[in-house]
C-alpha atoms as a PDB file:
ATOM      1  CA  MET A   1      96.511  54.747  40.491  1.00  0.00           C
ATOM      2  CA  SER A   2      97.301  51.749  38.380  1.00  0.00           C
ATOM      3  CA  GLU A   3      96.954  52.062  34.616  1.00  0.00           C
ATOM      4  CA  LYS A   4      95.857  48.425  34.643  1.00  0.00           C
ATOM      5  CA  THR A   5      93.049  48.712  37.193  1.00  0.00           C
ATOM      6  CA  VAL A   6      89.464  48.551  35.925  1.00  0.00           C
ATOM      7  CA  LEU A   7      86.505  49.172  38.213  1.00  0.00           C
ATOM      8  CA  ILE A   8      83.509  47.123  37.073  1.00  0.00           C
ATOM      9  CA  VAL A   9      80.230  48.535  38.400  1.00  0.00           C
ATOM     10  CA  GLU A  10      77.595  45.940  37.577  1.00  0.00           C
ATOM     11  CA  ASP A  11      74.797  44.461  39.708  1.00  0.00           C
ATOM     12  CA  ASP A  12      74.223  41.412  37.505  1.00  0.00           C
ATOM     13  CA  VAL A  13      76.553  38.684  38.801  1.00  0.00           C
ATOM     14  CA  ILE A  14      76.819  36.851  35.475  1.00  0.00           C
ATOM     15  CA  THR A  15      77.718  40.009  33.551  1.00  0.00           C
ATOM     16  CA  ALA A  16      80.177  41.128  36.248  1.00  0.00           C
ATOM     17  CA  THR A  17      81.909  37.721  36.238  1.00  0.00           C
ATOM     18  CA  MET A  18      82.199  37.775  32.455  1.00  0.00           C
ATOM     19  CA  LEU A  19      83.661  41.303  32.510  1.00  0.00           C
ATOM     20  CA  GLU A  20      86.164  40.278  35.189  1.00  0.00           C
ATOM     21  CA  ARG A  21      87.280  37.354  33.038  1.00  0.00           C
ATOM     22  CA  PHE A  22      87.641  39.521  29.922  1.00  0.00           C
ATOM     23  CA  CYS A  23      89.695  42.075  31.871  1.00  0.00           C
ATOM     24  CA  ARG A  24      92.008  39.428  33.328  1.00  0.00           C
ATOM     25  CA  GLU A  25      92.511  37.920  29.865  1.00  0.00           C
ATOM     26  CA  ALA A  26      93.594  41.389  28.694  1.00  0.00           C
ATOM     27  CA  GLY A  27      96.133  41.643  31.524  1.00  0.00           C
ATOM     28  CA  LEU A  28      94.055  44.091  33.547  1.00  0.00           C
ATOM     29  CA  GLN A  29      93.208  44.005  37.239  1.00  0.00           C
ATOM     30  CA  PRO A  30      89.418  44.090  37.779  1.00  0.00           C
ATOM     31  CA  LEU A  31      87.706  45.434  40.891  1.00  0.00           C
ATOM     32  CA  THR A  32      83.966  44.845  41.135  1.00  0.00           C
ATOM     33  CA  ALA A  33      81.135  46.726  42.811  1.00  0.00           C
ATOM     34  CA  ALA A  34      77.499  45.630  42.676  1.00  0.00           C
ATOM     35  CA  ASP A  35      76.020  48.985  43.750  1.00  0.00           C
ATOM     36  CA  GLY A  36      76.730  52.689  43.433  1.00  0.00           C
ATOM     37  CA  ILE A  37      77.870  53.359  47.002  1.00  0.00           C
ATOM     38  CA  THR A  38      80.442  50.546  46.916  1.00  0.00           C
ATOM     39  CA  ALA A  39      81.563  51.767  43.492  1.00  0.00           C
ATOM     40  CA  LEU A  40      82.316  55.263  44.789  1.00  0.00           C
ATOM     41  CA  GLN A  41      84.183  53.847  47.791  1.00  0.00           C
ATOM     42  CA  LEU A  42      86.351  51.621  45.571  1.00  0.00           C
ATOM     43  CA  TYR A  43      86.879  54.496  43.158  1.00  0.00           C
ATOM     44  CA  GLN A  44      88.174  56.746  45.947  1.00  0.00           C
ATOM     45  CA  GLN A  45      90.392  54.023  47.443  1.00  0.00           C
ATOM     46  CA  GLN A  46      91.853  52.534  44.262  1.00  0.00           C
ATOM     47  CA  GLN A  47      91.780  55.349  41.672  1.00  0.00           C
ATOM     48  CA  PRO A  48      91.186  52.997  38.705  1.00  0.00           C
ATOM     49  CA  ALA A  49      92.263  53.965  35.204  1.00  0.00           C
ATOM     50  CA  VAL A  50      88.940  52.824  33.712  1.00  0.00           C
ATOM     51  CA  ILE A  51      85.403  52.414  35.035  1.00  0.00           C
ATOM     52  CA  LEU A  52      82.961  50.061  33.298  1.00  0.00           C
ATOM     53  CA  LEU A  53      79.665  51.471  34.543  1.00  0.00           C
ATOM     54  CA  ASP A  54      76.188  49.978  34.393  1.00  0.00           C
ATOM     55  CA  ILE A  55      73.452  52.619  34.440  1.00  0.00           C
ATOM     56  CA  ASN A  56      70.670  50.959  36.441  1.00  0.00           C
ATOM     57  CA  LEU A  57      72.188  50.159  39.818  1.00  0.00           C
ATOM     58  CA  PRO A  58      70.962  49.787  43.377  1.00  0.00           C
ATOM     59  CA  GLU A  59      71.820  52.537  45.886  1.00  0.00           C
ATOM     60  CA  LEU A  60      73.018  55.120  43.365  1.00  0.00           C
ATOM     61  CA  HIS A  61      72.219  55.442  39.658  1.00  0.00           C
ATOM     62  CA  GLY A  62      75.047  55.222  37.112  1.00  0.00           C
ATOM     63  CA  VAL A  63      74.289  58.738  35.828  1.00  0.00           C
ATOM     64  CA  SER A  64      74.822  60.079  39.360  1.00  0.00           C
ATOM     65  CA  ILE A  65      78.101  58.200  39.696  1.00  0.00           C
ATOM     66  CA  ALA A  66      79.400  59.595  36.397  1.00  0.00           C
ATOM     67  CA  ASN A  67      78.348  63.126  37.383  1.00  0.00           C
ATOM     68  CA  LEU A  68      80.018  62.902  40.792  1.00  0.00           C
ATOM     69  CA  ILE A  69      83.274  61.645  39.327  1.00  0.00           C
ATOM     70  CA  ARG A  70      83.358  64.288  36.598  1.00  0.00           C
ATOM     71  CA  GLN A  71      82.400  67.213  38.869  1.00  0.00           C
ATOM     72  CA  PHE A  72      84.229  66.534  42.111  1.00  0.00           C
ATOM     73  CA  SER A  73      87.286  64.441  41.396  1.00  0.00           C
ATOM     74  CA  ALA A  74      90.773  65.512  40.380  1.00  0.00           C
ATOM     75  CA  HIS A  75      91.399  61.980  39.104  1.00  0.00           C
ATOM     76  CA  GLN A  76      89.488  61.543  35.855  1.00  0.00           C
ATOM     77  CA  PRO A  77      89.377  57.908  34.724  1.00  0.00           C
ATOM     78  CA  ARG A  78      87.984  56.765  31.413  1.00  0.00           C
ATOM     79  CA  VAL A  79      84.304  55.927  31.996  1.00  0.00           C
ATOM     80  CA  ILE A  80      82.625  53.444  29.681  1.00  0.00           C
ATOM     81  CA  VAL A  81      78.909  52.843  30.176  1.00  0.00           C
ATOM     82  CA  ILE A  82      77.549  49.332  29.799  1.00  0.00           C
ATOM     83  CA  THR A  83      73.821  49.292  29.158  1.00  0.00           C
ATOM     84  CA  SER A  84      70.984  47.427  27.539  1.00  0.00           C
ATOM     85  CA  SER A  85      69.314  50.833  27.004  1.00  0.00           C
ATOM     86  CA  PRO A  86      71.341  52.863  24.495  1.00  0.00           C
ATOM     87  CA  GLU A  87      68.670  55.564  24.667  1.00  0.00           C
ATOM     88  CA  GLN A  88      69.610  56.196  28.316  1.00  0.00           C
ATOM     89  CA  TYR A  89      73.196  56.739  27.216  1.00  0.00           C
ATOM     90  CA  GLU A  90      72.103  59.149  24.491  1.00  0.00           C
ATOM     91  CA  GLU A  91      69.782  61.078  26.853  1.00  0.00           C
ATOM     92  CA  HIS A  92      71.887  61.312  29.996  1.00  0.00           C
ATOM     93  CA  LEU A  93      75.513  60.368  29.441  1.00  0.00           C
ATOM     94  CA  LYS A  94      76.691  61.295  25.966  1.00  0.00           C
ATOM     95  CA  GLY A  95      79.476  63.845  26.428  1.00  0.00           C
ATOM     96  CA  LEU A  96      79.862  62.955  30.110  1.00  0.00           C
ATOM     97  CA  VAL A  97      81.501  59.565  29.577  1.00  0.00           C
ATOM     98  CA  ASP A  98      84.078  58.231  27.149  1.00  0.00           C
ATOM     99  CA  GLY A  99      81.895  55.678  25.392  1.00  0.00           C
ATOM    100  CA  TYR A 100      79.429  52.891  25.825  1.00  0.00           C
ATOM    101  CA  LEU A 101      79.007  49.208  25.168  1.00  0.00           C
ATOM    102  CA  PRO A 102      75.623  47.651  24.518  1.00  0.00           C
ATOM    103  CA  LYS A 103      74.566  44.528  26.384  1.00  0.00           C
ATOM    104  CA  PRO A 104      75.105  41.693  25.762  1.00  0.00           C
ATOM    105  CA  ILE A 105      78.811  42.492  25.887  1.00  0.00           C
ATOM    106  CA  ASN A 106      80.928  41.577  22.901  1.00  0.00           C
ATOM    107  CA  ARG A 107      84.417  40.607  24.105  1.00  0.00           C
ATOM    108  CA  GLN A 108      86.226  42.146  21.138  1.00  0.00           C
ATOM    109  CA  ASP A 109      84.320  45.436  21.417  1.00  0.00           C
ATOM    110  CA  LEU A 110      85.236  45.636  25.099  1.00  0.00           C
ATOM    111  CA  LEU A 111      88.908  44.909  24.449  1.00  0.00           C
ATOM    112  CA  THR A 112      88.970  47.530  21.695  1.00  0.00           C
ATOM    113  CA  LEU A 113      87.593  50.167  24.080  1.00  0.00           C
ATOM    114  CA  LEU A 114      90.008  49.132  26.829  1.00  0.00           C
ATOM    115  CA  GLY A 115      92.948  49.014  24.386  1.00  0.00           C
END
């Protein structure tokens, strides 16, 4: 596990590219997955320190990904949800993850959470 590795799980290419850039600017190494299955594979292979997790994803929902990581993994990264639906965070993920960022992403808010 690298303390500088961030797994970005985001199906929107523009948002994912922006998050990658912000992470690199902060000296972090981004890995990107556009769907839930790929995200879990990268998570198992790379053991990132932080996961930036969109909720609405193809293949596997973000809530399911967070649950799987919390229930079945010895490695417990920080999980930060990125969503345009804060109510989904409040309903399904509060207490399960380490925080959330509303879309559109504010660079400084992201860097503060990653800090």
